[in-house]
Amino acid sequence: MKRPFFILALGLLATAPHPASATDQLPNQGSVLAGPCASCHGSDGSGAGAIPALKGRPASVLLDQLKAFRSGALPSTVMGRLAKGYSDDQLSQLAAHFGDK
């Protein structure tokens, strides 16, 4: 009884999708990565109240600021902790998503 289950489990594992590698980029991954940003900066990056707008700022400036938040060079209450969860490539995609090219 255990053997058929084991064979079935191996078969399912063999056909399971493999994790995406760094080279498997989704064409619109920036919008997926930007999900957590929407709660403060708005879904389109327009900002609200005291929260600064991201939309329309140069992508290179946004990228520099995200990296500065991550390293602690730019003080913040929340952004430093959030930025630490992203790779350099992901920060680039976020900057490109919100910023002007």
PDB file of N, CA and C in Angstrom:
ATOM      1  N   MET A   1       0.819  -1.193   0.000  1.00  0.00           N
ATOM      2  CA  MET A   1       0.000   0.000   0.000  1.00  0.00           C
ATOM      3  C   MET A   1       0.864   1.260   0.000  1.00  0.00           C
ATOM      4  N   LYS A   2       2.003   1.231   0.674  1.00  0.00           N
ATOM      5  CA  LYS A   2       2.862   2.397   0.744  1.00  0.00           C
ATOM      6  C   LYS A   2       3.567   2.654  -0.585  1.00  0.00           C
ATOM      7  N   ARG A   3       3.875   1.599  -1.305  1.00  0.00           N
ATOM      8  CA  ARG A   3       4.639   1.749  -2.540  1.00  0.00           C
ATOM      9  C   ARG A   3       3.877   2.553  -3.602  1.00  0.00           C
ATOM     10  N   PRO A   4       2.590   2.293  -3.889  1.00  0.00           N
ATOM     11  CA  PRO A   4       1.887   3.106  -4.894  1.00  0.00           C
ATOM     12  C   PRO A   4       1.827   4.586  -4.500  1.00  0.00           C
ATOM     13  N   PHE A   5       1.654   4.862  -3.222  1.00  0.00           N
ATOM     14  CA  PHE A   5       1.623   6.252  -2.769  1.00  0.00           C
ATOM     15  C   PHE A   5       2.978   6.919  -3.006  1.00  0.00           C
ATOM     16  N   PHE A   6       4.049   6.206  -2.717  1.00  0.00           N
ATOM     17  CA  PHE A   6       5.397   6.723  -2.900  1.00  0.00           C
ATOM     18  C   PHE A   6       5.656   7.017  -4.373  1.00  0.00           C
ATOM     19  N   ILE A   7       5.254   6.117  -5.242  1.00  0.00           N
ATOM     20  CA  ILE A   7       5.449   6.303  -6.684  1.00  0.00           C
ATOM     21  C   ILE A   7       4.624   7.493  -7.178  1.00  0.00           C
ATOM     22  N   LEU A   8       3.401   7.628  -6.683  1.00  0.00           N
ATOM     23  CA  LEU A   8       2.556   8.757  -7.057  1.00  0.00           C
ATOM     24  C   LEU A   8       3.176  10.073  -6.580  1.00  0.00           C
ATOM     25  N   ALA A   9       3.687  10.078  -5.362  1.00  0.00           N
ATOM     26  CA  ALA A   9       4.308  11.289  -4.817  1.00  0.00           C
ATOM     27  C   ALA A   9       5.531  11.681  -5.638  1.00  0.00           C
ATOM     28  N   LEU A  10       6.357  10.721  -6.022  1.00  0.00           N
ATOM     29  CA  LEU A  10       7.521  11.025  -6.852  1.00  0.00           C
ATOM     30  C   LEU A  10       7.107  11.575  -8.210  1.00  0.00           C
ATOM     31  N   GLY A  11       6.071  11.006  -8.768  1.00  0.00           N
ATOM     32  CA  GLY A  11       5.573  11.485 -10.057  1.00  0.00           C
ATOM     33  C   GLY A  11       5.082  12.916  -9.975  1.00  0.00           C
ATOM     34  N   LEU A  12       4.385  13.246  -8.892  1.00  0.00           N
ATOM     35  CA  LEU A  12       3.898  14.616  -8.717  1.00  0.00           C
ATOM     36  C   LEU A  12       5.050  15.595  -8.516  1.00  0.00           C
ATOM     37  N   LEU A  13       6.057  15.185  -7.771  1.00  0.00           N
ATOM     38  CA  LEU A  13       7.215  16.050  -7.566  1.00  0.00           C
ATOM     39  C   LEU A  13       7.977  16.287  -8.865  1.00  0.00           C
ATOM     40  N   ALA A  14       8.053  15.276  -9.685  1.00  0.00           N
ATOM     41  CA  ALA A  14       8.785  15.399 -10.949  1.00  0.00           C
ATOM     42  C   ALA A  14       8.093  16.358 -11.910  1.00  0.00           C
ATOM     43  N   THR A  15       6.770  16.475 -11.811  1.00  0.00           N
ATOM     44  CA  THR A  15       6.034  17.347 -12.720  1.00  0.00           C
ATOM     45  C   THR A  15       5.697  18.693 -12.102  1.00  0.00           C
ATOM     46  N   ALA A  16       6.088  18.914 -10.853  1.00  0.00           N
ATOM     47  CA  ALA A  16       5.808  20.193 -10.188  1.00  0.00           C
ATOM     48  C   ALA A  16       6.611  21.299 -10.845  1.00  0.00           C
ATOM     49  N   PRO A  17       6.052  22.511 -10.882  1.00  0.00           N
ATOM     50  CA  PRO A  17       6.809  23.622 -11.466  1.00  0.00           C
ATOM     51  C   PRO A  17       8.047  23.924 -10.634  1.00  0.00           C
ATOM     52  N   HIS A  18       9.104  24.301 -11.312  1.00  0.00           N
ATOM     53  CA  HIS A  18      10.354  24.623 -10.634  1.00  0.00           C
ATOM     54  C   HIS A  18      10.368  26.103 -10.284  1.00  0.00           C
ATOM     55  N   PRO A  19      11.044  26.478  -9.212  1.00  0.00           N
ATOM     56  CA  PRO A  19      11.118  27.896  -8.864  1.00  0.00           C
ATOM     57  C   PRO A  19      11.768  28.695  -9.986  1.00  0.00           C
ATOM     58  N   ALA A  20      11.310  29.925 -10.166  1.00  0.00           N
ATOM     59  CA  ALA A  20      11.862  30.774 -11.216  1.00  0.00           C
ATOM     60  C   ALA A  20      13.277  31.188 -10.863  1.00  0.00           C
ATOM     61  N   SER A  21      14.119  31.195 -11.856  1.00  0.00           N
ATOM     62  CA  SER A  21      15.490  31.643 -11.645  1.00  0.00           C
ATOM     63  C   SER A  21      15.564  33.138 -11.915  1.00  0.00           C
ATOM     64  N   ALA A  22      16.714  33.718 -11.690  1.00  0.00           N
ATOM     65  CA  ALA A  22      16.897  35.153 -11.910  1.00  0.00           C
ATOM     66  C   ALA A  22      16.701  35.529 -13.371  1.00  0.00           C
ATOM     67  N   THR A  23      16.908  34.585 -14.262  1.00  0.00           N
ATOM     68  CA  THR A  23      16.760  34.880 -15.683  1.00  0.00           C
ATOM     69  C   THR A  23      15.315  34.744 -16.154  1.00  0.00           C
ATOM     70  N   ASP A  24      14.445  34.176 -15.337  1.00  0.00           N
ATOM     71  CA  ASP A  24      13.036  34.023 -15.701  1.00  0.00           C
ATOM     72  C   ASP A  24      12.258  35.236 -15.216  1.00  0.00           C
ATOM     73  N   GLN A  25      12.356  36.332 -15.939  1.00  0.00           N
ATOM     74  CA  GLN A  25      11.691  37.567 -15.541  1.00  0.00           C
ATOM     75  C   GLN A  25      10.302  37.635 -16.166  1.00  0.00           C
ATOM     76  N   LEU A  26       9.339  38.024 -15.363  1.00  0.00           N
ATOM     77  CA  LEU A  26       8.016  38.297 -15.887  1.00  0.00           C
ATOM     78  C   LEU A  26       8.056  39.661 -16.552  1.00  0.00           C
ATOM     79  N   PRO A  27       7.348  39.842 -17.669  1.00  0.00           N
ATOM     80  CA  PRO A  27       7.424  41.114 -18.364  1.00  0.00           C
ATOM     81  C   PRO A  27       6.941  42.297 -17.526  1.00  0.00           C
ATOM     82  N   ASN A  28       6.007  42.094 -16.629  1.00  0.00           N
ATOM     83  CA  ASN A  28       5.459  43.180 -15.836  1.00  0.00           C
ATOM     84  C   ASN A  28       5.677  42.903 -14.350  1.00  0.00           C
ATOM     85  N   GLN A  29       6.853  42.421 -13.984  1.00  0.00           N
ATOM     86  CA  GLN A  29       7.109  42.052 -12.606  1.00  0.00           C
ATOM     87  C   GLN A  29       7.126  43.270 -11.686  1.00  0.00           C
ATOM     88  N   GLY A  30       7.444  44.441 -12.206  1.00  0.00           N
ATOM     89  CA  GLY A  30       7.444  45.654 -11.392  1.00  0.00           C
ATOM     90  C   GLY A  30       6.109  45.909 -10.754  1.00  0.00           C
ATOM     91  N   SER A  31       5.027  45.669 -11.492  1.00  0.00           N
ATOM     92  CA  SER A  31       3.696  45.897 -10.922  1.00  0.00           C
ATOM     93  C   SER A  31       3.369  44.871  -9.848  1.00  0.00           C
ATOM     94  N   VAL A  32       3.901  43.673  -9.983  1.00  0.00           N
ATOM     95  CA  VAL A  32       3.691  42.648  -8.952  1.00  0.00           C
ATOM     96  C   VAL A  32       4.473  43.018  -7.697  1.00  0.00           C
ATOM     97  N   LEU A  33       5.713  43.427  -7.870  1.00  0.00           N
ATOM     98  CA  LEU A  33       6.552  43.811  -6.744  1.00  0.00           C
ATOM     99  C   LEU A  33       6.014  45.053  -6.039  1.00  0.00           C
ATOM    100  N   ALA A  34       5.305  45.906  -6.762  1.00  0.00           N
ATOM    101  CA  ALA A  34       4.818  47.173  -6.215  1.00  0.00           C
ATOM    102  C   ALA A  34       3.569  47.027  -5.357  1.00  0.00           C
ATOM    103  N   GLY A  35       3.046  45.837  -5.227  1.00  0.00           N
ATOM    104  CA  GLY A  35       1.836  45.638  -4.422  1.00  0.00           C
ATOM    105  C   GLY A  35       1.919  46.232  -3.027  1.00  0.00           C
ATOM    106  N   PRO A  36       2.982  45.950  -2.265  1.00  0.00           N
ATOM    107  CA  PRO A  36       3.075  46.522  -0.918  1.00  0.00           C
ATOM    108  C   PRO A  36       3.215  48.051  -0.915  1.00  0.00           C
ATOM    109  N   CYS A  37       3.704  48.628  -1.995  1.00  0.00           N
ATOM    110  CA  CYS A  37       3.897  50.085  -2.065  1.00  0.00           C
ATOM    111  C   CYS A  37       2.557  50.815  -2.112  1.00  0.00           C
ATOM    112  N   ALA A  38       1.554  50.151  -2.677  1.00  0.00           N
ATOM    113  CA  ALA A  38       0.260  50.785  -2.910  1.00  0.00           C
ATOM    114  C   ALA A  38      -0.426  51.223  -1.621  1.00  0.00           C
ATOM    115  N   SER A  39      -0.186  50.517  -0.522  1.00  0.00           N
ATOM    116  CA  SER A  39      -0.894  50.872   0.705  1.00  0.00           C
ATOM    117  C   SER A  39      -0.505  52.265   1.200  1.00  0.00           C
ATOM    118  N   CYS A  40       0.690  52.732   0.907  1.00  0.00           N
ATOM    119  CA  CYS A  40       1.105  54.074   1.335  1.00  0.00           C
ATOM    120  C   CYS A  40       1.185  55.065   0.171  1.00  0.00           C
ATOM    121  N   HIS A  41       1.736  54.612  -0.951  1.00  0.00           N
ATOM    122  CA  HIS A  41       1.992  55.513  -2.073  1.00  0.00           C
ATOM    123  C   HIS A  41       0.881  55.495  -3.123  1.00  0.00           C
ATOM    124  N   GLY A  42      -0.136  54.666  -2.949  1.00  0.00           N
ATOM    125  CA  GLY A  42      -1.202  54.551  -3.934  1.00  0.00           C
ATOM    126  C   GLY A  42      -0.840  53.571  -5.031  1.00  0.00           C
ATOM    127  N   SER A  43      -1.842  53.003  -5.658  1.00  0.00           N
ATOM    128  CA  SER A  43      -1.600  51.964  -6.665  1.00  0.00           C
ATOM    129  C   SER A  43      -0.822  52.475  -7.863  1.00  0.00           C
ATOM    130  N   ASP A  44      -0.949  53.773  -8.161  1.00  0.00           N
ATOM    131  CA  ASP A  44      -0.205  54.327  -9.298  1.00  0.00           C
ATOM    132  C   ASP A  44       0.979  55.174  -8.860  1.00  0.00           C
ATOM    133  N   GLY A  45       1.258  55.211  -7.537  1.00  0.00           N
ATOM    134  CA  GLY A  45       2.397  55.956  -7.029  1.00  0.00           C
ATOM    135  C   GLY A  45       2.155  57.444  -6.865  1.00  0.00           C
ATOM    136  N   SER A  46       0.887  57.874  -6.903  1.00  0.00           N
ATOM    137  CA  SER A  46       0.571  59.299  -6.799  1.00  0.00           C
ATOM    138  C   SER A  46       0.758  59.876  -5.401  1.00  0.00           C
ATOM    139  N   GLY A  47       0.823  59.014  -4.409  1.00  0.00           N
ATOM    140  CA  GLY A  47       0.989  59.476  -3.036  1.00  0.00           C
ATOM    141  C   GLY A  47      -0.293  60.075  -2.490  1.00  0.00           C
ATOM    142  N   ALA A  48      -0.293  60.344  -1.199  1.00  0.00           N
ATOM    143  CA  ALA A  48      -1.455  60.954  -0.557  1.00  0.00           C
ATOM    144  C   ALA A  48      -1.004  61.604   0.736  1.00  0.00           C
ATOM    145  N   GLY A  49      -1.411  62.838   0.945  1.00  0.00           N
ATOM    146  CA  GLY A  49      -1.061  63.520   2.186  1.00  0.00           C
ATOM    147  C   GLY A  49       0.440  63.683   2.338  1.00  0.00           C
ATOM    148  N   ALA A  50       0.952  63.239   3.482  1.00  0.00           N
ATOM    149  CA  ALA A  50       2.381  63.382   3.780  1.00  0.00           C
ATOM    150  C   ALA A  50       3.239  62.344   3.069  1.00  0.00           C
ATOM    151  N   ILE A  51       2.618  61.343   2.452  1.00  0.00           N
ATOM    152  CA  ILE A  51       3.359  60.300   1.740  1.00  0.00           C
ATOM    153  C   ILE A  51       3.778  60.856   0.376  1.00  0.00           C
ATOM    154  N   PRO A  52       5.073  60.836   0.078  1.00  0.00           N
ATOM    155  CA  PRO A  52       5.522  61.413  -1.198  1.00  0.00           C
ATOM    156  C   PRO A  52       5.074  60.596  -2.406  1.00  0.00           C
ATOM    157  N   ALA A  53       4.830  61.327  -3.494  1.00  0.00           N
ATOM    158  CA  ALA A  53       4.480  60.687  -4.758  1.00  0.00           C
ATOM    159  C   ALA A  53       5.729  60.084  -5.388  1.00  0.00           C
ATOM    160  N   LEU A  54       5.570  58.934  -6.001  1.00  0.00           N
ATOM    161  CA  LEU A  54       6.650  58.282  -6.735  1.00  0.00           C
ATOM    162  C   LEU A  54       6.480  58.489  -8.235  1.00  0.00           C
ATOM    163  N   LYS A  55       5.240  58.576  -8.644  1.00  0.00           N
ATOM    164  CA  LYS A  55       4.899  58.693 -10.059  1.00  0.00           C
ATOM    165  C   LYS A  55       5.523  59.952 -10.661  1.00  0.00           C
ATOM    166  N   GLY A  56       6.171  59.763 -11.798  1.00  0.00           N
ATOM    167  CA  GLY A  56       6.729  60.881 -12.525  1.00  0.00           C
ATOM    168  C   GLY A  56       8.126  61.289 -12.118  1.00  0.00           C
ATOM    169  N   ARG A  57       8.656  60.727 -11.051  1.00  0.00           N
ATOM    170  CA  ARG A  57      10.032  61.034 -10.647  1.00  0.00           C
ATOM    171  C   ARG A  57      10.984  60.210 -11.505  1.00  0.00           C
ATOM    172  N   PRO A  58      12.189  60.683 -11.726  1.00  0.00           N
ATOM    173  CA  PRO A  58      13.141  59.908 -12.539  1.00  0.00           C
ATOM    174  C   PRO A  58      13.423  58.545 -11.892  1.00  0.00           C
ATOM    175  N   ALA A  59      13.395  57.506 -12.688  1.00  0.00           N
ATOM    176  CA  ALA A  59      13.626  56.145 -12.183  1.00  0.00           C
ATOM    177  C   ALA A  59      15.002  56.038 -11.537  1.00  0.00           C
ATOM    178  N   SER A  60      15.991  56.752 -12.066  1.00  0.00           N
ATOM    179  CA  SER A  60      17.341  56.680 -11.494  1.00  0.00           C
ATOM    180  C   SER A  60      17.366  57.270 -10.077  1.00  0.00           C
ATOM    181  N   VAL A  61      16.599  58.318  -9.841  1.00  0.00           N
ATOM    182  CA  VAL A  61      16.524  58.928  -8.507  1.00  0.00           C
ATOM    183  C   VAL A  61      15.820  57.979  -7.545  1.00  0.00           C
ATOM    184  N   LEU A  62      14.716  57.390  -8.006  1.00  0.00           N
ATOM    185  CA  LEU A  62      13.999  56.429  -7.161  1.00  0.00           C
ATOM    186  C   LEU A  62      14.896  55.252  -6.790  1.00  0.00           C
ATOM    187  N   LEU A  63      15.646  54.750  -7.752  1.00  0.00           N
ATOM    188  CA  LEU A  63      16.536  53.620  -7.488  1.00  0.00           C
ATOM    189  C   LEU A  63      17.605  54.001  -6.459  1.00  0.00           C
ATOM    190  N   ASP A  64      18.192  55.179  -6.626  1.00  0.00           N
ATOM    191  CA  ASP A  64      19.205  55.626  -5.660  1.00  0.00           C
ATOM    192  C   ASP A  64      18.608  55.749  -4.260  1.00  0.00           C
ATOM    193  N   GLN A  65      17.394  56.264  -4.180  1.00  0.00           N
ATOM    194  CA  GLN A  65      16.752  56.410  -2.865  1.00  0.00           C
ATOM    195  C   GLN A  65      16.415  55.052  -2.259  1.00  0.00           C
ATOM    196  N   LEU A  66      15.929  54.131  -3.067  1.00  0.00           N
ATOM    197  CA  LEU A  66      15.610  52.794  -2.549  1.00  0.00           C
ATOM    198  C   LEU A  66      16.870  52.114  -2.005  1.00  0.00           C
ATOM    199  N   LYS A  67      17.966  52.243  -2.728  1.00  0.00           N
ATOM    200  CA  LYS A  67      19.222  51.644  -2.268  1.00  0.00           C
ATOM    201  C   LYS A  67      19.716  52.327  -0.989  1.00  0.00           C
ATOM    202  N   ALA A  68      19.517  53.649  -0.900  1.00  0.00           N
ATOM    203  CA  ALA A  68      19.924  54.379   0.298  1.00  0.00           C
ATOM    204  C   ALA A  68      19.060  53.986   1.500  1.00  0.00           C
ATOM    205  N   PHE A  69      17.775  53.779   1.267  1.00  0.00           N
ATOM    206  CA  PHE A  69      16.910  53.287   2.346  1.00  0.00           C
ATOM    207  C   PHE A  69      17.405  51.927   2.829  1.00  0.00           C
ATOM    208  N   ARG A  70      17.702  51.051   1.863  1.00  0.00           N
ATOM    209  CA  ARG A  70      18.117  49.693   2.198  1.00  0.00           C
ATOM    210  C   ARG A  70      19.419  49.668   2.991  1.00  0.00           C
ATOM    211  N   SER A  71      20.349  50.517   2.632  1.00  0.00           N
ATOM    212  CA  SER A  71      21.643  50.530   3.315  1.00  0.00           C
ATOM    213  C   SER A  71      21.603  51.280   4.643  1.00  0.00           C
ATOM    214  N   GLY A  72      20.561  52.079   4.858  1.00  0.00           N
ATOM    215  CA  GLY A  72      20.468  52.881   6.068  1.00  0.00           C
ATOM    216  C   GLY A  72      21.055  54.271   5.899  1.00  0.00           C
ATOM    217  N   ALA A  73      21.582  54.594   4.703  1.00  0.00           N
ATOM    218  CA  ALA A  73      22.147  55.915   4.444  1.00  0.00           C
ATOM    219  C   ALA A  73      21.059  56.991   4.440  1.00  0.00           C
ATOM    220  N   LEU A  74      19.850  56.617   4.102  1.00  0.00           N
ATOM    221  CA  LEU A  74      18.711  57.533   4.112  1.00  0.00           C
ATOM    222  C   LEU A  74      17.778  57.085   5.230  1.00  0.00           C
ATOM    223  N   PRO A  75      17.657  57.891   6.291  1.00  0.00           N
ATOM    224  CA  PRO A  75      16.831  57.475   7.432  1.00  0.00           C
ATOM    225  C   PRO A  75      15.353  57.367   7.048  1.00  0.00           C
ATOM    226  N   SER A  76      14.687  56.429   7.690  1.00  0.00           N
ATOM    227  CA  SER A  76      13.258  56.229   7.422  1.00  0.00           C
ATOM    228  C   SER A  76      12.619  55.495   8.586  1.00  0.00           C
ATOM    229  N   THR A  77      11.308  55.519   8.601  1.00  0.00           N
ATOM    230  CA  THR A  77      10.587  54.748   9.614  1.00  0.00           C
ATOM    231  C   THR A  77      10.244  53.359   9.099  1.00  0.00           C
ATOM    232  N   VAL A  78       9.837  53.276   7.843  1.00  0.00           N
ATOM    233  CA  VAL A  78       9.372  52.009   7.277  1.00  0.00           C
ATOM    234  C   VAL A  78      10.177  51.576   6.056  1.00  0.00           C
ATOM    235  N   MET A  79      10.571  52.533   5.222  1.00  0.00           N
ATOM    236  CA  MET A  79      11.164  52.193   3.934  1.00  0.00           C
ATOM    237  C   MET A  79      12.442  51.372   4.044  1.00  0.00           C
ATOM    238  N   GLY A  80      13.254  51.629   5.027  1.00  0.00           N
ATOM    239  CA  GLY A  80      14.490  50.862   5.186  1.00  0.00           C
ATOM    240  C   GLY A  80      14.213  49.387   5.391  1.00  0.00           C
ATOM    241  N   ARG A  81      13.219  49.110   6.227  1.00  0.00           N
ATOM    242  CA  ARG A  81      12.866  47.704   6.490  1.00  0.00           C
ATOM    243  C   ARG A  81      12.267  47.055   5.249  1.00  0.00           C
ATOM    244  N   LEU A  82      11.464  47.792   4.513  1.00  0.00           N
ATOM    245  CA  LEU A  82      10.864  47.230   3.298  1.00  0.00           C
ATOM    246  C   LEU A  82      11.914  47.000   2.214  1.00  0.00           C
ATOM    247  N   ALA A  83      12.786  47.974   2.014  1.00  0.00           N
ATOM    248  CA  ALA A  83      13.773  47.889   0.940  1.00  0.00           C
ATOM    249  C   ALA A  83      14.749  46.735   1.150  1.00  0.00           C
ATOM    250  N   LYS A  84      14.987  46.356   2.397  1.00  0.00           N
ATOM    251  CA  LYS A  84      15.909  45.246   2.667  1.00  0.00           C
ATOM    252  C   LYS A  84      15.390  43.919   2.114  1.00  0.00           C
ATOM    253  N   GLY A  85      14.102  43.837   1.820  1.00  0.00           N
ATOM    254  CA  GLY A  85      13.521  42.611   1.299  1.00  0.00           C
ATOM    255  C   GLY A  85      13.647  42.444  -0.206  1.00  0.00           C
ATOM    256  N   TYR A  86      14.233  43.429  -0.884  1.00  0.00           N
ATOM    257  CA  TYR A  86      14.335  43.389  -2.343  1.00  0.00           C
ATOM    258  C   TYR A  86      15.787  43.290  -2.792  1.00  0.00           C
ATOM    259  N   SER A  87      16.008  42.567  -3.881  1.00  0.00           N
ATOM    260  CA  SER A  87      17.337  42.488  -4.498  1.00  0.00           C
ATOM    261  C   SER A  87      17.582  43.757  -5.320  1.00  0.00           C
ATOM    262  N   ASP A  88      18.811  43.939  -5.792  1.00  0.00           N
ATOM    263  CA  ASP A  88      19.124  45.080  -6.655  1.00  0.00           C
ATOM    264  C   ASP A  88      18.247  45.072  -7.904  1.00  0.00           C
ATOM    265  N   ASP A  89      18.079  43.906  -8.500  1.00  0.00           N
ATOM    266  CA  ASP A  89      17.256  43.785  -9.702  1.00  0.00           C
ATOM    267  C   ASP A  89      15.801  44.156  -9.408  1.00  0.00           C
ATOM    268  N   GLN A  90      15.284  43.712  -8.294  1.00  0.00           N
ATOM    269  CA  GLN A  90      13.904  44.031  -7.928  1.00  0.00           C
ATOM    270  C   GLN A  90      13.736  45.518  -7.642  1.00  0.00           C
ATOM    271  N   LEU A  91      14.723  46.137  -6.992  1.00  0.00           N
ATOM    272  CA  LEU A  91      14.651  47.579  -6.762  1.00  0.00           C
ATOM    273  C   LEU A  91      14.655  48.326  -8.093  1.00  0.00           C
ATOM    274  N   SER A  92      15.445  47.860  -9.047  1.00  0.00           N
ATOM    275  CA  SER A  92      15.462  48.473 -10.383  1.00  0.00           C
ATOM    276  C   SER A  92      14.106  48.370 -11.055  1.00  0.00           C
ATOM    277  N   GLN A  93      13.472  47.215 -10.900  1.00  0.00           N
ATOM    278  CA  GLN A  93      12.155  47.027 -11.505  1.00  0.00           C
ATOM    279  C   GLN A  93      11.111  47.929 -10.846  1.00  0.00           C
ATOM    280  N   LEU A  94      11.203  48.094  -9.539  1.00  0.00           N
ATOM    281  CA  LEU A  94      10.283  49.001  -8.843  1.00  0.00           C
ATOM    282  C   LEU A  94      10.484  50.438  -9.287  1.00  0.00           C
ATOM    283  N   ALA A  95      11.732  50.868  -9.379  1.00  0.00           N
ATOM    284  CA  ALA A  95      12.026  52.226  -9.805  1.00  0.00           C
ATOM    285  C   ALA A  95      11.509  52.464 -11.224  1.00  0.00           C
ATOM    286  N   ALA A  96      11.694  51.491 -12.102  1.00  0.00           N
ATOM    287  CA  ALA A  96      11.219  51.609 -13.469  1.00  0.00           C
ATOM    288  C   ALA A  96       9.691  51.620 -13.524  1.00  0.00           C
ATOM    289  N   HIS A  97       9.059  50.859 -12.644  1.00  0.00           N
ATOM    290  CA  HIS A  97       7.587  50.802 -12.623  1.00  0.00           C
ATOM    291  C   HIS A  97       6.983  52.147 -12.260  1.00  0.00           C
ATOM    292  N   PHE A  98       7.519  52.798 -11.240  1.00  0.00           N
ATOM    293  CA  PHE A  98       6.939  54.056 -10.775  1.00  0.00           C
ATOM    294  C   PHE A  98       7.516  55.279 -11.466  1.00  0.00           C
ATOM    295  N   GLY A  99       8.778  55.232 -11.846  1.00  0.00           N
ATOM    296  CA  GLY A  99       9.444  56.423 -12.354  1.00  0.00           C
ATOM    297  C   GLY A  99       9.317  56.631 -13.839  1.00  0.00           C
ATOM    298  N   ASP A 100       9.726  57.838 -14.236  1.00  0.00           N
ATOM    299  CA  ASP A 100       9.828  58.151 -15.663  1.00  0.00           C
ATOM    300  C   ASP A 100      11.096  57.519 -16.196  1.00  0.00           C
ATOM    301  N   LYS A 101      10.996  56.993 -17.360  1.00  0.00           N
ATOM    302  CA  LYS A 101      12.141  56.279 -17.941  1.00  0.00           C
ATOM    303  C   LYS A 101      13.204  57.237 -18.396  1.00  0.00           C
TER     304      LYS A 101
END
